[in-house]
Amino acid sequence: MPTSVRPSPEIEQRLEDLAWKTGRSKAQHLPDFVERGLEDLEDYYLAAEVQERIRLGEESVVSAENFWYGLDSMTNTERGSLAGRPEERG
């Protein structure tokens, strides 16, 4: 499905500068921009949905201490870092 995009003059200049610096055409960069921008928007809206579910009490939250518990042995993290039981730190 062909789609037309009309960037602002500032964006157009940035795109031209990038094309010149990389030796790639503006058209070669556009699919990357669309894909990355779409991924960012999807992440943003997913996070907003989860945040709303948390606010409504429909989603639970794990504390940082519980999240990191036990990961130190899997990642070889030094004792005293964020990983490990809270009582082991210090």
PDB file of N, CA and C in Angstrom:
ATOM      1  N   MET A   1       0.848  -1.162   0.000  1.00  0.00           N
ATOM      2  CA  MET A   1       0.000   0.000   0.000  1.00  0.00           C
ATOM      3  C   MET A   1       0.902   1.237   0.000  1.00  0.00           C
ATOM      4  N   PRO A   2       0.958   1.947  -1.080  1.00  0.00           N
ATOM      5  CA  PRO A   2       1.760   3.167  -1.132  1.00  0.00           C
ATOM      6  C   PRO A   2       1.191   4.233  -0.188  1.00  0.00           C
ATOM      7  N   THR A   3       2.091   4.901   0.513  1.00  0.00           N
ATOM      8  CA  THR A   3       1.699   5.948   1.447  1.00  0.00           C
ATOM      9  C   THR A   3       2.599   7.149   1.213  1.00  0.00           C
ATOM     10  N   SER A   4       2.008   8.305   1.284  1.00  0.00           N
ATOM     11  CA  SER A   4       2.770   9.532   1.084  1.00  0.00           C
ATOM     12  C   SER A   4       2.984  10.224   2.419  1.00  0.00           C
ATOM     13  N   VAL A   5       4.207  10.704   2.632  1.00  0.00           N
ATOM     14  CA  VAL A   5       4.548  11.412   3.865  1.00  0.00           C
ATOM     15  C   VAL A   5       5.177  12.742   3.475  1.00  0.00           C
ATOM     16  N   ARG A   6       4.732  13.807   4.113  1.00  0.00           N
ATOM     17  CA  ARG A   6       5.300  15.127   3.857  1.00  0.00           C
ATOM     18  C   ARG A   6       5.945  15.629   5.148  1.00  0.00           C
ATOM     19  N   PRO A   7       7.263  15.428   5.296  1.00  0.00           N
ATOM     20  CA  PRO A   7       7.926  15.867   6.530  1.00  0.00           C
ATOM     21  C   PRO A   7       8.062  17.388   6.572  1.00  0.00           C
ATOM     22  N   SER A   8       8.241  17.889   7.768  1.00  0.00           N
ATOM     23  CA  SER A   8       8.485  19.316   7.942  1.00  0.00           C
ATOM     24  C   SER A   8       9.840  19.654   7.307  1.00  0.00           C
ATOM     25  N   PRO A   9      10.078  20.917   7.001  1.00  0.00           N
ATOM     26  CA  PRO A   9      11.380  21.283   6.430  1.00  0.00           C
ATOM     27  C   PRO A   9      12.555  20.878   7.333  1.00  0.00           C
ATOM     28  N   GLU A  10      12.378  20.969   8.643  1.00  0.00           N
ATOM     29  CA  GLU A  10      13.449  20.574   9.560  1.00  0.00           C
ATOM     30  C   GLU A  10      13.744  19.080   9.447  1.00  0.00           C
ATOM     31  N   ILE A  11      12.718  18.266   9.426  1.00  0.00           N
ATOM     32  CA  ILE A  11      12.900  16.814   9.296  1.00  0.00           C
ATOM     33  C   ILE A  11      13.492  16.484   7.931  1.00  0.00           C
ATOM     34  N   GLU A  12      13.016  17.151   6.905  1.00  0.00           N
ATOM     35  CA  GLU A  12      13.548  16.936   5.553  1.00  0.00           C
ATOM     36  C   GLU A  12      15.045  17.232   5.522  1.00  0.00           C
ATOM     37  N   GLN A  13      15.481  18.316   6.168  1.00  0.00           N
ATOM     38  CA  GLN A  13      16.896  18.672   6.192  1.00  0.00           C
ATOM     39  C   GLN A  13      17.699  17.635   6.972  1.00  0.00           C
ATOM     40  N   ARG A  14      17.168  17.192   8.092  1.00  0.00           N
ATOM     41  CA  ARG A  14      17.861  16.174   8.879  1.00  0.00           C
ATOM     42  C   ARG A  14      18.008  14.886   8.072  1.00  0.00           C
ATOM     43  N   LEU A  15      16.973  14.519   7.351  1.00  0.00           N
ATOM     44  CA  LEU A  15      17.011  13.318   6.521  1.00  0.00           C
ATOM     45  C   LEU A  15      18.040  13.477   5.402  1.00  0.00           C
ATOM     46  N   GLU A  16      18.082  14.646   4.779  1.00  0.00           N
ATOM     47  CA  GLU A  16      19.080  14.901   3.739  1.00  0.00           C
ATOM     48  C   GLU A  16      20.495  14.832   4.307  1.00  0.00           C
ATOM     49  N   ASP A  17      20.691  15.418   5.480  1.00  0.00           N
ATOM     50  CA  ASP A  17      22.004  15.371   6.130  1.00  0.00           C
ATOM     51  C   ASP A  17      22.420  13.933   6.425  1.00  0.00           C
ATOM     52  N   LEU A  18      21.488  13.148   6.940  1.00  0.00           N
ATOM     53  CA  LEU A  18      21.789  11.751   7.251  1.00  0.00           C
ATOM     54  C   LEU A  18      22.117  10.977   5.982  1.00  0.00           C
ATOM     55  N   ALA A  19      21.353  11.200   4.945  1.00  0.00           N
ATOM     56  CA  ALA A  19      21.612  10.516   3.672  1.00  0.00           C
ATOM     57  C   ALA A  19      23.002  10.856   3.165  1.00  0.00           C
ATOM     58  N   TRP A  20      23.374  12.118   3.252  1.00  0.00           N
ATOM     59  CA  TRP A  20      24.700  12.535   2.785  1.00  0.00           C
ATOM     60  C   TRP A  20      25.794  11.894   3.632  1.00  0.00           C
ATOM     61  N   LYS A  21      25.624  11.893   4.959  1.00  0.00           N
ATOM     62  CA  LYS A  21      26.641  11.341   5.860  1.00  0.00           C
ATOM     63  C   LYS A  21      26.817   9.845   5.697  1.00  0.00           C
ATOM     64  N   THR A  22      25.727   9.144   5.396  1.00  0.00           N
ATOM     65  CA  THR A  22      25.789   7.677   5.332  1.00  0.00           C
ATOM     66  C   THR A  22      25.998   7.148   3.924  1.00  0.00           C
ATOM     67  N   GLY A  23      25.809   8.009   2.932  1.00  0.00           N
ATOM     68  CA  GLY A  23      25.928   7.538   1.555  1.00  0.00           C
ATOM     69  C   GLY A  23      24.731   6.723   1.098  1.00  0.00           C
ATOM     70  N   ARG A  24      23.680   6.754   1.870  1.00  0.00           N
ATOM     71  CA  ARG A  24      22.441   6.060   1.500  1.00  0.00           C
ATOM     72  C   ARG A  24      21.417   7.108   1.087  1.00  0.00           C
ATOM     73  N   SER A  25      20.483   6.722   0.262  1.00  0.00           N
ATOM     74  CA  SER A  25      19.448   7.666  -0.162  1.00  0.00           C
ATOM     75  C   SER A  25      18.436   7.867   0.964  1.00  0.00           C
ATOM     76  N   LYS A  26      17.684   8.952   0.858  1.00  0.00           N
ATOM     77  CA  LYS A  26      16.619   9.188   1.836  1.00  0.00           C
ATOM     78  C   LYS A  26      15.627   8.030   1.820  1.00  0.00           C
ATOM     79  N   ALA A  27      15.327   7.538   0.632  1.00  0.00           N
ATOM     80  CA  ALA A  27      14.362   6.446   0.497  1.00  0.00           C
ATOM     81  C   ALA A  27      14.854   5.170   1.180  1.00  0.00           C
ATOM     82  N   GLN A  28      16.160   4.965   1.220  1.00  0.00           N
ATOM     83  CA  GLN A  28      16.703   3.783   1.885  1.00  0.00           C
ATOM     84  C   GLN A  28      16.541   3.873   3.402  1.00  0.00           C
ATOM     85  N   HIS A  29      16.530   5.069   3.947  1.00  0.00           N
ATOM     86  CA  HIS A  29      16.378   5.246   5.391  1.00  0.00           C
ATOM     87  C   HIS A  29      14.928   5.145   5.849  1.00  0.00           C
ATOM     88  N   LEU A  30      13.990   5.475   4.992  1.00  0.00           N
ATOM     89  CA  LEU A  30      12.595   5.571   5.418  1.00  0.00           C
ATOM     90  C   LEU A  30      12.012   4.280   5.997  1.00  0.00           C
ATOM     91  N   PRO A  31      12.239   3.113   5.406  1.00  0.00           N
ATOM     92  CA  PRO A  31      11.696   1.897   6.030  1.00  0.00           C
ATOM     93  C   PRO A  31      12.210   1.674   7.454  1.00  0.00           C
ATOM     94  N   ASP A  32      13.488   1.998   7.698  1.00  0.00           N
ATOM     95  CA  ASP A  32      14.038   1.870   9.053  1.00  0.00           C
ATOM     96  C   ASP A  32      13.329   2.819  10.012  1.00  0.00           C
ATOM     97  N   PHE A  33      13.105   4.054   9.571  1.00  0.00           N
ATOM     98  CA  PHE A  33      12.428   5.037  10.417  1.00  0.00           C
ATOM     99  C   PHE A  33      11.024   4.574  10.773  1.00  0.00           C
ATOM    100  N   VAL A  34      10.316   4.076   9.774  1.00  0.00           N
ATOM    101  CA  VAL A  34       8.943   3.634  10.011  1.00  0.00           C
ATOM    102  C   VAL A  34       8.930   2.456  10.969  1.00  0.00           C
ATOM    103  N   GLU A  35       9.789   1.478  10.751  1.00  0.00           N
ATOM    104  CA  GLU A  35       9.819   0.304  11.617  1.00  0.00           C
ATOM    105  C   GLU A  35      10.171   0.668  13.056  1.00  0.00           C
ATOM    106  N   ARG A  36      11.215   1.464  13.234  1.00  0.00           N
ATOM    107  CA  ARG A  36      11.627   1.842  14.588  1.00  0.00           C
ATOM    108  C   ARG A  36      10.597   2.735  15.263  1.00  0.00           C
ATOM    109  N   GLY A  37      10.045   3.654  14.502  1.00  0.00           N
ATOM    110  CA  GLY A  37       9.018   4.532  15.061  1.00  0.00           C
ATOM    111  C   GLY A  37       7.773   3.746  15.453  1.00  0.00           C
ATOM    112  N   LEU A  38       7.391   2.783  14.632  1.00  0.00           N
ATOM    113  CA  LEU A  38       6.229   1.948  14.939  1.00  0.00           C
ATOM    114  C   LEU A  38       6.484   1.118  16.186  1.00  0.00           C
ATOM    115  N   GLU A  39       7.686   0.553  16.309  1.00  0.00           N
ATOM    116  CA  GLU A  39       8.033  -0.211  17.508  1.00  0.00           C
ATOM    117  C   GLU A  39       7.964   0.673  18.750  1.00  0.00           C
ATOM    118  N   ASP A  40       8.474   1.887  18.653  1.00  0.00           N
ATOM    119  CA  ASP A  40       8.432   2.808  19.787  1.00  0.00           C
ATOM    120  C   ASP A  40       6.996   3.145  20.174  1.00  0.00           C
ATOM    121  N   LEU A  41       6.153   3.403  19.183  1.00  0.00           N
ATOM    122  CA  LEU A  41       4.748   3.713  19.473  1.00  0.00           C
ATOM    123  C   LEU A  41       4.023   2.518  20.077  1.00  0.00           C
ATOM    124  N   GLU A  42       4.290   1.324  19.554  1.00  0.00           N
ATOM    125  CA  GLU A  42       3.673   0.125  20.125  1.00  0.00           C
ATOM    126  C   GLU A  42       4.093  -0.045  21.581  1.00  0.00           C
ATOM    127  N   ASP A  43       5.376   0.142  21.867  1.00  0.00           N
ATOM    128  CA  ASP A  43       5.869   0.039  23.250  1.00  0.00           C
ATOM    129  C   ASP A  43       5.202   1.074  24.139  1.00  0.00           C
ATOM    130  N   TYR A  44       5.079   2.299  23.646  1.00  0.00           N
ATOM    131  CA  TYR A  44       4.468   3.374  24.422  1.00  0.00           C
ATOM    132  C   TYR A  44       3.022   3.029  24.784  1.00  0.00           C
ATOM    133  N   TYR A  45       2.245   2.614  23.794  1.00  0.00           N
ATOM    134  CA  TYR A  45       0.838   2.321  24.058  1.00  0.00           C
ATOM    135  C   TYR A  45       0.660   1.074  24.921  1.00  0.00           C
ATOM    136  N   LEU A  46       1.524   0.081  24.760  1.00  0.00           N
ATOM    137  CA  LEU A  46       1.480  -1.096  25.620  1.00  0.00           C
ATOM    138  C   LEU A  46       1.766  -0.696  27.062  1.00  0.00           C
ATOM    139  N   ALA A  47       2.783   0.132  27.258  1.00  0.00           N
ATOM    140  CA  ALA A  47       3.117   0.590  28.613  1.00  0.00           C
ATOM    141  C   ALA A  47       1.971   1.391  29.218  1.00  0.00           C
ATOM    142  N   ALA A  48       1.334   2.229  28.418  1.00  0.00           N
ATOM    143  CA  ALA A  48       0.202   3.021  28.913  1.00  0.00           C
ATOM    144  C   ALA A  48      -0.958   2.113  29.319  1.00  0.00           C
ATOM    145  N   GLU A  49      -1.203   1.053  28.558  1.00  0.00           N
ATOM    146  CA  GLU A  49      -2.262   0.100  28.904  1.00  0.00           C
ATOM    147  C   GLU A  49      -1.953  -0.610  30.222  1.00  0.00           C
ATOM    148  N   VAL A  50      -0.721  -1.049  30.381  1.00  0.00           N
ATOM    149  CA  VAL A  50      -0.329  -1.743  31.609  1.00  0.00           C
ATOM    150  C   VAL A  50      -0.410  -0.781  32.794  1.00  0.00           C
ATOM    151  N   GLN A  51       0.047   0.435  32.607  1.00  0.00           N
ATOM    152  CA  GLN A  51      -0.029   1.428  33.679  1.00  0.00           C
ATOM    153  C   GLN A  51      -1.480   1.655  34.118  1.00  0.00           C
ATOM    154  N   GLU A  52      -2.394   1.697  33.187  1.00  0.00           N
ATOM    155  CA  GLU A  52      -3.803   1.880  33.528  1.00  0.00           C
ATOM    156  C   GLU A  52      -4.346   0.662  34.281  1.00  0.00           C
ATOM    157  N   ARG A  53      -3.941  -0.548  33.857  1.00  0.00           N
ATOM    158  CA  ARG A  53      -4.382  -1.754  34.568  1.00  0.00           C
ATOM    159  C   ARG A  53      -3.836  -1.772  35.987  1.00  0.00           C
ATOM    160  N   ILE A  54      -2.596  -1.311  36.167  1.00  0.00           N
ATOM    161  CA  ILE A  54      -2.023  -1.226  37.511  1.00  0.00           C
ATOM    162  C   ILE A  54      -2.821  -0.235  38.341  1.00  0.00           C
ATOM    163  N   ARG A  55      -3.119   0.919  37.764  1.00  0.00           N
ATOM    164  CA  ARG A  55      -3.876   1.950  38.471  1.00  0.00           C
ATOM    165  C   ARG A  55      -5.244   1.438  38.912  1.00  0.00           C
ATOM    166  N   LEU A  56      -5.864   0.612  38.075  1.00  0.00           N
ATOM    167  CA  LEU A  56      -7.186   0.056  38.381  1.00  0.00           C
ATOM    168  C   LEU A  56      -7.112  -1.176  39.286  1.00  0.00           C
ATOM    169  N   GLY A  57      -5.902  -1.631  39.604  1.00  0.00           N
ATOM    170  CA  GLY A  57      -5.742  -2.808  40.442  1.00  0.00           C
ATOM    171  C   GLY A  57      -5.938  -4.116  39.699  1.00  0.00           C
ATOM    172  N   GLU A  58      -5.914  -4.062  38.384  1.00  0.00           N
ATOM    173  CA  GLU A  58      -6.111  -5.260  37.557  1.00  0.00           C
ATOM    174  C   GLU A  58      -4.788  -5.955  37.220  1.00  0.00           C
ATOM    175  N   GLU A  59      -3.692  -5.324  37.562  1.00  0.00           N
ATOM    176  CA  GLU A  59      -2.364  -5.852  37.252  1.00  0.00           C
ATOM    177  C   GLU A  59      -1.527  -5.731  38.517  1.00  0.00           C
ATOM    178  N   SER A  60      -0.761  -6.768  38.832  1.00  0.00           N
ATOM    179  CA  SER A  60       0.065  -6.701  40.035  1.00  0.00           C
ATOM    180  C   SER A  60       1.461  -6.196  39.685  1.00  0.00           C
ATOM    181  N   VAL A  61       2.153  -5.728  40.700  1.00  0.00           N
ATOM    182  CA  VAL A  61       3.501  -5.188  40.543  1.00  0.00           C
ATOM    183  C   VAL A  61       4.423  -5.978  41.455  1.00  0.00           C
ATOM    184  N   VAL A  62       5.604  -6.295  40.957  1.00  0.00           N
ATOM    185  CA  VAL A  62       6.607  -7.016  41.734  1.00  0.00           C
ATOM    186  C   VAL A  62       7.629  -5.999  42.221  1.00  0.00           C
ATOM    187  N   SER A  63       7.987  -6.078  43.495  1.00  0.00           N
ATOM    188  CA  SER A  63       8.992  -5.160  44.022  1.00  0.00           C
ATOM    189  C   SER A  63      10.343  -5.447  43.370  1.00  0.00           C
ATOM    190  N   ALA A  64      11.208  -4.443  43.354  1.00  0.00           N
ATOM    191  CA  ALA A  64      12.545  -4.620  42.790  1.00  0.00           C
ATOM    192  C   ALA A  64      13.309  -5.708  43.534  1.00  0.00           C
ATOM    193  N   GLU A  65      13.138  -5.752  44.848  1.00  0.00           N
ATOM    194  CA  GLU A  65      13.848  -6.764  45.632  1.00  0.00           C
ATOM    195  C   GLU A  65      13.417  -8.175  45.240  1.00  0.00           C
ATOM    196  N   ASN A  66      12.122  -8.379  45.051  1.00  0.00           N
ATOM    197  CA  ASN A  66      11.650  -9.702  44.636  1.00  0.00           C
ATOM    198  C   ASN A  66      12.069 -10.016  43.209  1.00  0.00           C
ATOM    199  N   PHE A  67      12.090  -9.005  42.365  1.00  0.00           N
ATOM    200  CA  PHE A  67      12.499  -9.217  40.980  1.00  0.00           C
ATOM    201  C   PHE A  67      13.945  -9.699  40.906  1.00  0.00           C
ATOM    202  N   TRP A  68      14.830  -9.040  41.655  1.00  0.00           N
ATOM    203  CA  TRP A  68      16.252  -9.352  41.581  1.00  0.00           C
ATOM    204  C   TRP A  68      16.643 -10.572  42.403  1.00  0.00           C
ATOM    205  N   TYR A  69      15.778 -11.030  43.306  1.00  0.00           N
ATOM    206  CA  TYR A  69      16.104 -12.154  44.176  1.00  0.00           C
ATOM    207  C   TYR A  69      16.504 -13.377  43.349  1.00  0.00           C
ATOM    208  N   GLY A  70      17.657 -13.911  43.609  1.00  0.00           N
ATOM    209  CA  GLY A  70      18.117 -15.133  42.956  1.00  0.00           C
ATOM    210  C   GLY A  70      18.831 -14.913  41.640  1.00  0.00           C
ATOM    211  N   LEU A  71      18.749 -13.734  41.081  1.00  0.00           N
ATOM    212  CA  LEU A  71      19.397 -13.507  39.795  1.00  0.00           C
ATOM    213  C   LEU A  71      20.907 -13.372  39.918  1.00  0.00           C
ATOM    214  N   ASP A  72      21.393 -13.054  41.112  1.00  0.00           N
ATOM    215  CA  ASP A  72      22.836 -12.891  41.273  1.00  0.00           C
ATOM    216  C   ASP A  72      23.590 -14.169  40.939  1.00  0.00           C
ATOM    217  N   SER A  73      23.033 -15.324  41.273  1.00  0.00           N
ATOM    218  CA  SER A  73      23.722 -16.576  40.977  1.00  0.00           C
ATOM    219  C   SER A  73      23.701 -16.889  39.483  1.00  0.00           C
ATOM    220  N   MET A  74      22.713 -16.350  38.773  1.00  0.00           N
ATOM    221  CA  MET A  74      22.618 -16.590  37.333  1.00  0.00           C
ATOM    222  C   MET A  74      23.510 -15.635  36.544  1.00  0.00           C
ATOM    223  N   THR A  75      23.797 -14.458  37.092  1.00  0.00           N
ATOM    224  CA  THR A  75      24.546 -13.447  36.354  1.00  0.00           C
ATOM    225  C   THR A  75      25.936 -13.201  36.928  1.00  0.00           C
ATOM    226  N   ASN A  76      26.316 -13.949  37.952  1.00  0.00           N
ATOM    227  CA  ASN A  76      27.609 -13.757  38.609  1.00  0.00           C
ATOM    228  C   ASN A  76      27.778 -12.339  39.127  1.00  0.00           C
ATOM    229  N   THR A  77      26.710 -11.751  39.606  1.00  0.00           N
ATOM    230  CA  THR A  77      26.747 -10.396  40.144  1.00  0.00           C
ATOM    231  C   THR A  77      27.401 -10.424  41.516  1.00  0.00           C
ATOM    232  N   GLU A  78      28.199  -9.441  41.780  1.00  0.00           N
ATOM    233  CA  GLU A  78      28.877  -9.350  43.065  1.00  0.00           C
ATOM    234  C   GLU A  78      27.885  -9.129  44.192  1.00  0.00           C
ATOM    235  N   ARG A  79      28.200  -9.676  45.342  1.00  0.00           N
ATOM    236  CA  ARG A  79      27.389  -9.459  46.526  1.00  0.00           C
ATOM    237  C   ARG A  79      27.384  -7.975  46.866  1.00  0.00           C
ATOM    238  N   GLY A  80      26.237  -7.471  47.261  1.00  0.00           N
ATOM    239  CA  GLY A  80      26.118  -6.063  47.598  1.00  0.00           C
ATOM    240  C   GLY A  80      25.537  -5.247  46.460  1.00  0.00           C
ATOM    241  N   SER A  81      25.334  -5.867  45.309  1.00  0.00           N
ATOM    242  CA  SER A  81      24.722  -5.149  44.199  1.00  0.00           C
ATOM    243  C   SER A  81      23.209  -5.184  44.387  1.00  0.00           C
ATOM    244  N   LEU A  82      22.488  -4.769  43.372  1.00  0.00           N
ATOM    245  CA  LEU A  82      21.028  -4.788  43.452  1.00  0.00           C
ATOM    246  C   LEU A  82      20.478  -6.206  43.529  1.00  0.00           C
ATOM    247  N   ALA A  83      21.224  -7.173  43.027  1.00  0.00           N
ATOM    248  CA  ALA A  83      20.741  -8.543  43.036  1.00  0.00           C
ATOM    249  C   ALA A  83      20.909  -9.165  44.412  1.00  0.00           C
ATOM    250  N   GLY A  84      20.106 -10.153  44.679  1.00  0.00           N
ATOM    251  CA  GLY A  84      20.225 -10.881  45.945  1.00  0.00           C
ATOM    252  C   GLY A  84      19.195 -10.471  46.956  1.00  0.00           C
ATOM    253  N   ARG A  85      19.152 -11.214  48.030  1.00  0.00           N
ATOM    254  CA  ARG A  85      18.191 -10.912  49.093  1.00  0.00           C
ATOM    255  C   ARG A  85      18.546  -9.603  49.771  1.00  0.00           C
ATOM    256  N   PRO A  86      17.541  -8.843  50.168  1.00  0.00           N
ATOM    257  CA  PRO A  86      17.811  -7.566  50.843  1.00  0.00           C
ATOM    258  C   PRO A  86      18.658  -7.722  52.083  1.00  0.00           C
ATOM    259  N   GLU A  87      18.455  -8.807  52.842  1.00  0.00           N
ATOM    260  CA  GLU A  87      19.196  -8.975  54.089  1.00  0.00           C
ATOM    261  C   GLU A  87      20.659  -9.350  53.827  1.00  0.00           C
ATOM    262  N   GLU A  88      21.004  -9.774  52.614  1.00  0.00           N
ATOM    263  CA  GLU A  88      22.375 -10.116  52.280  1.00  0.00           C
ATOM    264  C   GLU A  88      23.200  -8.890  51.892  1.00  0.00           C
ATOM    265  N   ARG A  89      22.536  -7.805  51.559  1.00  0.00           N
ATOM    266  CA  ARG A  89      23.256  -6.598  51.134  1.00  0.00           C
ATOM    267  C   ARG A  89      23.838  -5.890  52.327  1.00  0.00           C
ATOM    268  N   GLY A  90      24.927  -5.182  52.075  1.00  0.00           N
ATOM    269  CA  GLY A  90      25.418  -4.285  53.085  1.00  0.00           C
ATOM    270  C   GLY A  90      26.622  -4.768  53.729  1.00  0.00           C
TER     271      GLY A  90
END
